[in-house]
Amino acid sequence: MSYELNKKIRKIEPYEAVYKYYDIKLDANESCFDISREMVDEIAEAVKNVSFNRYPDPTAAEVVIRFAQYYGIRPEYVTAANGSDEMISILLSAFIEKDDMVVTLSPDFSMYAFYGYLYEAKITNLPKDNSLQINVGKVIDYCNTHDVKALIFSNPCNPTSLGLSREDVVRLVKNVFCLVVIDEAYMDFYGESVMDLVDEYDNLVVLKTCSKAMGMAGLRLGFAVAGENISTALRTVKSPYNVNSLTQAVCSAVLKNKALISEHTVEIIESRKLLQSRLHALSKKYSALEKVYDSVTNFVFVKSSVSEMICDKLLEKSISVYCLGSYFRVTAGTLEEDEIFLTELEKILAADYTEE
C-alpha cells in the first residue's frame, strides 16, 4: 500500500522562484550591491568569533539591538526570524485558528495566502481597484462586517510597486477590530512607515527584512515589530533557535554601518528612477508597453499583453525579469545592468512591435 498525501498538500502549488544563473538578474528585487564586499574585515572578525559548536542566541539579542538602533525603535518590540517568510508563517499558524478568516489583497505577495491556506484559515482575497491601489474604506468595511481575524498586505506593494500613505495605513489600523500585519519589506525606498506606532495600536504588526535595501538576501533575516503583548507572544511561539549564529553575527556587523546602507539605498532609488523614466519613454514609442506604474520601491512594474514573450526573449540574452501574466516586474540594477536591459528590451520591441 502506498502512502497518499492529504488533500491540502496535494492541491498546493510551489512558489515559482527564479533560481537559474543569468548574467543580469533583475527578477527577485534583491539589492544590486553586495554589501559584504565593502566590509570584509568587519565581517571576517564577526565570523571568527562565532562558536559554531554552540546553539545560537535564542533571542538574537545583539542583532535585535542593532536593528532597533538603526530605526530608532525600542528593542523589546522587535522579534527576529529566519527571513520575513518565517514570521509570516508564525503569525498565521499561531495567531490564527482553523477556519478563522484572513484577508489578503490582490495583487500582492502570494505567500500570505499560501501560509494561510497551509494552516487552514479561510482566505478571502479582496481585489484592488483598476489602478491597483488599495481602497481603504472598502477594506475596513469588509473586515468589520465579516468577522475577519487578520488582514495582511505589503506596503509598498510587491508586485505593483505602489505605496499606501502613512495616513491611510493609520486610518485602516485604527478602524478595524482584527490583527493587521503590514509587510514593509520595501519601505526603505518609500518613507511612509508606521513601525514607530506599534505601541499605540495593539493590533499592529510590522514586518521588516534585511533582503532588500540592506543587501543581505542570502543571510535570511527578518523582523516583526509589534507592541509588548504581541512581541511577548511571538517570542513564546517561535522556534527557540530560529536565527543561526552566522546570520546574527554578520548582520549585526552590517547594521552598524548605517551610512553605507543609506548610500546604497539612495543609489538604488536613483537607478529605479532612471529605469522608470526610460521605460516610460519606451511606452510612448511602443504600444506593447501599455502602462509603466509610478514606483516607490526598488523595482518597476509594467503592464504588457506580450509580457511572456518579452521575458522569454530577455532570457535568451541571459537577462531575467519576473513575469506575472500580463505584467512584468524589473528590479533596479546597477546603471550598467539597467542600460543593457533597456537596450535589449528596445531591440525586442522594435523587432516585433514598431509603431506604423
Protein backbone atom coordinates (compact mmCIF):
# COMPACT_ATOMS: atom_id res chain seq x y z
CA MET A 1 0.00 0.00 0.00
CA SER A 2 1.41 3.39 -0.98
CA TYR A 3 1.24 6.47 1.21
CA GLU A 4 -1.12 9.17 -0.05
CA LEU A 5 -0.70 12.88 0.66
CA ASN A 6 -3.66 14.64 2.21
CA LYS A 7 -5.87 16.82 0.01
CA LYS A 8 -4.46 20.05 1.40
CA ILE A 9 -0.88 19.27 0.40
CA ARG A 10 -1.84 17.68 -2.93
CA LYS A 11 -3.51 20.92 -4.01
CA ILE A 12 -0.59 23.23 -3.16
CA GLU A 13 1.41 24.73 -6.00
CA PRO A 14 5.02 25.62 -5.12
CA TYR A 15 6.25 29.20 -5.18
CA GLU A 16 7.98 29.77 -8.51
CA ALA A 17 11.33 31.33 -7.71
CA VAL A 18 13.83 32.00 -10.49
CA TYR A 19 16.88 30.02 -9.41
CA LYS A 20 18.90 29.59 -12.59
CA TYR A 21 22.01 31.67 -13.22
CA TYR A 22 21.68 34.59 -15.62
CA ASP A 23 24.24 37.26 -16.45
CA ILE A 24 21.84 40.02 -15.41
CA LYS A 25 19.41 39.07 -12.64
CA LEU A 26 16.59 41.59 -12.29
CA ASP A 27 13.82 39.25 -11.17
CA ALA A 28 13.91 38.96 -7.35
CA ASN A 29 14.07 42.56 -6.06
CA GLU A 30 17.41 41.95 -4.35
CA SER A 31 19.91 44.74 -3.85
CA CYS A 32 22.34 45.10 -6.73
CA PHE A 33 25.07 45.82 -4.16
CA ASP A 34 26.84 43.01 -2.34
CA ILE A 35 27.38 44.96 0.85
CA SER A 36 29.74 42.39 2.37
CA ARG A 37 32.49 43.19 -0.15
CA GLU A 38 32.85 46.64 1.35
CA MET A 39 33.03 45.29 4.90
CA VAL A 40 35.31 42.30 4.56
CA ASP A 41 37.37 42.96 7.68
CA GLU A 42 34.40 43.62 9.98
CA ILE A 43 32.50 40.59 8.74
CA ALA A 44 35.58 38.36 8.97
CA GLU A 45 36.07 39.43 12.58
CA ALA A 46 32.41 38.74 13.36
CA VAL A 47 32.57 35.28 11.79
CA LYS A 48 35.83 34.49 13.58
CA ASN A 49 34.09 34.96 16.93
CA VAL A 50 31.16 32.64 16.17
CA SER A 51 31.07 29.44 18.25
CA PHE A 52 29.85 27.01 15.62
CA ASN A 53 29.55 24.16 18.13
CA ARG A 54 27.02 26.08 20.24
CA TYR A 55 23.37 26.82 19.60
CA PRO A 56 22.67 30.43 18.61
CA ASP A 57 21.30 33.04 20.99
CA PRO A 58 17.54 32.25 21.01
CA THR A 59 16.67 35.92 21.40
CA ALA A 60 19.15 37.14 18.76
CA ALA A 61 19.79 39.94 21.23
CA GLU A 62 22.70 41.69 19.54
CA VAL A 63 21.19 41.84 16.06
CA VAL A 64 17.81 42.87 17.50
CA ILE A 65 19.50 45.77 19.32
CA ARG A 66 21.38 46.78 16.17
CA PHE A 67 18.17 46.69 14.16
CA ALA A 68 16.32 48.75 16.78
CA GLN A 69 19.13 51.31 16.86
CA TYR A 70 19.13 51.51 13.07
CA TYR A 71 15.45 52.50 13.01
CA GLY A 72 15.28 54.31 16.35
CA ILE A 73 12.76 51.99 17.99
CA ARG A 74 12.64 50.01 21.22
CA PRO A 75 14.38 46.59 21.01
CA GLU A 76 11.76 44.96 23.26
CA TYR A 77 9.29 45.50 20.40
CA VAL A 78 11.45 43.52 17.94
CA THR A 79 11.47 39.76 17.27
CA ALA A 80 13.98 38.22 14.84
CA ALA A 81 13.14 35.49 12.36
CA ASN A 82 14.68 33.39 9.61
CA GLY A 83 13.52 35.86 6.98
CA SER A 84 10.12 37.54 6.86
CA ASP A 85 8.69 34.32 5.44
CA GLU A 86 9.21 32.55 8.76
CA MET A 87 7.49 35.38 10.60
CA ILE A 88 4.51 35.25 8.23
CA SER A 89 4.30 31.53 8.90
CA ILE A 90 4.47 32.06 12.68
CA LEU A 91 1.78 34.72 12.67
CA LEU A 92 -0.64 32.72 10.54
CA SER A 93 -0.07 29.46 12.41
CA ALA A 94 -0.05 30.74 16.00
CA PHE A 95 -2.30 33.81 15.97
CA ILE A 96 -4.92 32.32 13.65
CA GLU A 97 -7.01 29.24 14.41
CA LYS A 98 -8.55 26.79 11.96
CA ASP A 99 -11.35 28.34 9.89
CA ASP A 100 -10.57 31.89 11.07
CA MET A 101 -10.96 34.38 8.24
CA VAL A 102 -7.80 36.04 6.95
CA VAL A 103 -8.00 38.80 4.36
CA THR A 104 -5.32 39.29 1.72
CA LEU A 105 -5.34 41.78 -1.13
CA SER A 106 -4.81 41.21 -4.83
CA PRO A 107 -2.41 41.63 -6.43
CA ASP A 108 0.06 41.18 -3.57
CA PHE A 109 2.74 38.80 -2.31
CA SER A 110 1.41 35.28 -2.87
CA MET A 111 2.93 33.75 0.27
CA TYR A 112 0.38 35.42 2.58
CA ALA A 113 -2.42 33.33 1.13
CA PHE A 114 -0.12 30.30 0.84
CA TYR A 115 0.64 30.17 4.56
CA GLY A 116 -2.95 30.98 5.46
CA TYR A 117 -4.16 28.07 3.38
CA LEU A 118 -1.49 25.76 4.81
CA TYR A 119 -2.68 26.50 8.36
CA GLU A 120 -6.33 26.02 7.35
CA ALA A 121 -7.54 29.58 7.65
CA LYS A 122 -10.35 30.81 5.43
CA ILE A 123 -8.61 33.09 2.94
CA THR A 124 -10.54 35.95 1.39
CA ASN A 125 -8.74 37.79 -1.36
CA LEU A 126 -10.01 41.35 -1.86
CA PRO A 127 -9.15 42.71 -5.32
CA LYS A 128 -7.69 46.19 -5.59
CA ASP A 129 -9.29 48.76 -7.87
CA ASN A 130 -8.37 49.20 -11.53
CA SER A 131 -5.46 51.46 -10.61
CA LEU A 132 -4.10 48.63 -8.40
CA GLN A 133 -4.45 50.87 -5.34
CA ILE A 134 -5.97 49.80 -2.01
CA ASN A 135 -9.48 51.09 -1.31
CA VAL A 136 -9.06 51.66 2.42
CA GLY A 137 -12.74 52.27 3.12
CA LYS A 138 -13.73 49.06 1.34
CA VAL A 139 -11.16 47.04 3.29
CA ILE A 140 -12.31 48.49 6.63
CA ASP A 141 -15.96 47.76 5.85
CA TYR A 142 -15.21 44.19 4.82
CA CYS A 143 -13.08 43.40 7.85
CA ASN A 144 -15.67 44.78 10.28
CA THR A 145 -18.68 43.04 8.72
CA HIS A 146 -17.22 39.57 8.13
CA ASP A 147 -15.63 38.64 11.46
CA VAL A 148 -12.13 38.89 9.99
CA LYS A 149 -9.35 37.82 12.37
CA ALA A 150 -6.36 39.13 10.42
CA LEU A 151 -5.53 41.36 7.48
CA ILE A 152 -2.11 41.07 5.86
CA PHE A 153 -0.65 43.07 2.98
CA SER A 154 2.59 44.63 1.75
CA ASN A 155 3.26 48.35 1.76
CA PRO A 156 4.76 49.34 -0.60
CA CYS A 157 3.26 46.51 -2.58
CA ASN A 158 5.06 43.65 -4.23
CA PRO A 159 4.46 43.30 -7.16
CA THR A 160 2.69 46.58 -8.10
CA SER A 161 5.44 48.91 -6.72
CA LEU A 162 2.73 51.24 -5.38
CA GLY A 163 2.53 52.59 -1.83
CA LEU A 164 -0.21 53.47 0.63
CA SER A 165 0.37 56.66 2.61
CA ARG A 166 1.09 56.54 6.33
CA GLU A 167 -2.13 58.46 6.92
CA ASP A 168 -4.20 55.84 5.09
CA VAL A 169 -2.47 52.97 6.88
CA VAL A 170 -3.21 54.55 10.27
CA ARG A 171 -6.85 55.08 9.25
CA LEU A 172 -7.09 51.40 8.40
CA VAL A 173 -5.36 50.08 11.54
CA LYS A 174 -7.37 52.23 13.96
CA ASN A 175 -10.74 51.39 12.38
CA VAL A 176 -10.65 47.58 12.20
CA PHE A 177 -11.04 45.07 15.02
CA CYS A 178 -8.65 42.47 13.65
CA LEU A 179 -4.91 41.92 13.64
CA VAL A 180 -3.24 43.99 10.91
CA VAL A 181 0.08 42.71 9.56
CA ILE A 182 1.89 45.15 7.27
CA ASP A 183 4.91 43.88 5.38
CA GLU A 184 7.25 46.86 4.96
CA ALA A 185 9.93 44.99 3.02
CA TYR A 186 10.31 47.91 0.57
CA MET A 187 9.63 50.79 2.97
CA ASP A 188 13.26 51.96 2.98
CA PHE A 189 12.62 53.20 -0.57
CA TYR A 190 9.37 55.00 0.34
CA GLY A 191 9.50 56.58 3.80
CA GLU A 192 5.89 56.14 4.99
CA SER A 193 6.50 53.58 7.74
CA VAL A 194 4.16 53.01 10.69
CA MET A 195 6.77 50.99 12.60
CA ASP A 196 7.00 53.71 15.26
CA LEU A 197 3.28 53.34 16.07
CA VAL A 198 3.24 49.73 17.31
CA ASP A 199 2.99 50.80 20.96
CA GLU A 200 0.00 52.97 20.07
CA TYR A 201 -2.01 50.31 18.22
CA ASP A 202 -2.13 46.91 19.88
CA ASN A 203 -3.43 45.17 16.73
CA LEU A 204 -0.49 46.24 14.54
CA VAL A 205 2.46 44.11 13.43
CA VAL A 206 5.08 45.47 11.02
CA LEU A 207 7.35 43.06 9.16
CA LYS A 208 10.84 44.10 8.06
CA THR A 209 13.57 42.36 6.10
CA CYS A 210 17.31 42.68 5.54
CA SER A 211 16.95 41.31 2.00
CA LYS A 212 16.16 44.49 0.05
CA ALA A 213 17.77 47.84 0.88
CA MET A 214 20.31 46.23 3.21
CA GLY A 215 21.61 43.77 0.63
CA MET A 216 21.55 40.64 2.80
CA ALA A 217 19.06 38.38 1.00
CA GLY A 218 21.48 35.46 1.24
CA LEU A 219 21.54 35.57 5.04
CA ARG A 220 17.75 35.25 5.55
CA LEU A 221 16.98 37.68 8.37
CA GLY A 222 13.65 39.35 9.05
CA PHE A 223 11.94 41.01 11.98
CA ALA A 224 8.48 41.59 13.41
CA VAL A 225 7.91 44.88 15.18
CA ALA A 226 4.88 44.98 17.49
CA GLY A 227 3.73 46.14 20.90
CA GLU A 228 4.58 44.35 24.12
CA ASN A 229 1.67 41.89 24.13
CA ILE A 230 2.20 40.59 20.59
CA SER A 231 6.00 40.64 20.86
CA THR A 232 5.90 38.51 24.00
CA ALA A 233 3.61 36.03 22.26
CA LEU A 234 5.84 35.89 19.18
CA ARG A 235 8.91 35.08 21.24
CA THR A 236 6.91 32.37 23.01
CA VAL A 237 5.66 30.57 19.90
CA LYS A 238 8.66 30.86 17.58
CA SER A 239 11.28 28.14 17.32
CA PRO A 240 13.89 28.72 20.05
CA TYR A 241 16.96 28.80 17.77
CA ASN A 242 15.38 30.14 14.60
CA VAL A 243 18.16 32.56 13.54
CA ASN A 244 21.55 30.90 13.11
CA SER A 245 24.70 32.28 14.72
CA LEU A 246 26.39 33.18 11.44
CA THR A 247 23.44 35.30 10.31
CA GLN A 248 23.25 37.00 13.68
CA ALA A 249 26.96 37.86 13.69
CA VAL A 250 27.24 39.08 10.10
CA CYS A 251 24.02 41.09 10.15
CA SER A 252 24.98 42.73 13.44
CA ALA A 253 28.22 43.89 11.81
CA VAL A 254 26.43 45.19 8.72
CA LEU A 255 23.73 47.03 10.66
CA LYS A 256 26.40 49.09 12.39
CA ASN A 257 27.18 50.68 9.03
CA LYS A 258 24.03 52.74 8.52
CA ALA A 259 25.79 55.32 6.36
CA LEU A 260 26.90 52.69 3.84
CA ILE A 261 23.43 51.12 3.67
CA SER A 262 21.86 54.56 3.25
CA GLU A 263 24.31 55.40 0.46
CA HIS A 264 23.38 52.24 -1.40
CA THR A 265 19.68 52.88 -0.85
CA VAL A 266 19.99 56.31 -2.48
CA GLU A 267 21.84 54.77 -5.43
CA ILE A 268 19.16 52.10 -5.83
CA ILE A 269 16.42 54.75 -5.82
CA GLU A 270 18.29 56.71 -8.49
CA SER A 271 18.63 53.52 -10.55
CA ARG A 272 14.90 52.86 -10.23
CA LYS A 273 14.06 56.43 -11.25
CA LEU A 274 16.23 56.12 -14.34
CA LEU A 275 14.74 52.73 -15.19
CA GLN A 276 11.22 54.05 -14.75
CA SER A 277 11.86 57.18 -16.82
CA ARG A 278 13.36 55.20 -19.69
CA LEU A 279 10.54 52.64 -19.60
CA HIS A 280 8.00 55.49 -19.70
CA ALA A 281 9.77 56.81 -22.80
CA LEU A 282 9.68 53.38 -24.42
CA SER A 283 5.95 53.07 -23.65
CA LYS A 284 5.32 56.23 -25.67
CA LYS A 285 7.18 54.70 -28.59
CA TYR A 286 5.93 51.11 -28.42
CA SER A 287 2.30 50.30 -27.62
CA ALA A 288 3.30 46.83 -26.36
CA LEU A 289 4.24 48.58 -23.09
CA GLU A 290 0.72 49.54 -22.06
CA LYS A 291 1.46 51.11 -18.68
CA VAL A 292 4.51 51.80 -16.54
CA TYR A 293 3.50 52.27 -12.90
CA ASP A 294 4.94 55.02 -10.72
CA SER A 295 7.12 53.04 -8.36
CA VAL A 296 8.09 53.81 -4.76
CA THR A 297 10.18 50.64 -4.43
CA ASN A 298 13.41 49.23 -5.90
CA PHE A 299 11.63 47.81 -8.94
CA VAL A 300 9.35 48.90 -11.77
CA PHE A 301 6.04 47.25 -12.67
CA VAL A 302 4.93 47.21 -16.31
CA LYS A 303 1.68 46.13 -17.95
CA SER A 304 2.04 44.42 -21.31
CA SER A 305 -0.12 41.92 -23.19
CA VAL A 306 3.10 40.37 -24.51
CA SER A 307 4.97 40.22 -21.22
CA GLU A 308 5.65 36.48 -21.51
CA MET A 309 7.22 36.95 -24.94
CA ILE A 310 9.33 39.84 -23.64
CA CYS A 311 10.53 37.83 -20.63
CA ASP A 312 11.35 34.79 -22.75
CA LYS A 313 13.34 36.81 -25.28
CA LEU A 314 15.24 38.56 -22.49
CA LEU A 315 16.16 35.16 -21.05
CA GLU A 316 17.69 34.29 -24.41
CA LYS A 317 20.04 37.22 -23.74
CA SER A 318 20.69 35.94 -20.18
CA ILE A 319 18.60 38.71 -18.61
CA SER A 320 15.95 37.63 -16.11
CA VAL A 321 12.95 39.73 -15.13
CA TYR A 322 9.82 38.48 -13.36
CA CYS A 323 6.75 37.68 -15.47
CA LEU A 324 3.27 37.87 -13.95
CA GLY A 325 0.74 37.14 -16.67
CA SER A 326 0.06 40.41 -18.48
CA TYR A 327 2.64 42.25 -16.37
CA PHE A 328 6.37 42.06 -15.77
CA ARG A 329 8.50 43.37 -12.90
CA VAL A 330 12.05 44.66 -13.27
CA THR A 331 14.42 45.15 -10.33
CA ALA A 332 16.62 48.23 -10.40
CA GLY A 333 20.15 47.04 -11.06
CA THR A 334 23.46 48.78 -11.46
CA LEU A 335 23.43 51.51 -14.09
CA GLU A 336 25.31 49.17 -16.42
CA GLU A 337 22.75 46.39 -15.89
CA ASP A 338 19.88 48.82 -16.44
CA GLU A 339 21.41 50.03 -19.70
CA ILE A 340 21.90 46.51 -21.05
CA PHE A 341 18.33 45.55 -20.10
CA LEU A 342 16.84 48.66 -21.71
CA THR A 343 18.87 48.19 -24.88
CA GLU A 344 17.81 44.57 -25.28
CA LEU A 345 14.19 45.37 -24.43
CA GLU A 346 14.04 48.03 -27.16
CA LYS A 347 15.53 45.60 -29.66
CA ILE A 348 12.74 43.15 -28.83
CA LEU A 349 10.05 45.83 -29.11
CA ALA A 350 11.49 47.28 -32.30
CA ALA A 351 11.68 43.87 -33.98
CA ASP A 352 8.08 42.92 -33.32
CA TYR A 353 6.07 45.96 -32.30
CA THR A 354 7.36 49.03 -34.11
CA GLU A 355 4.63 51.63 -34.47
CA GLU A 356 3.50 52.38 -38.04
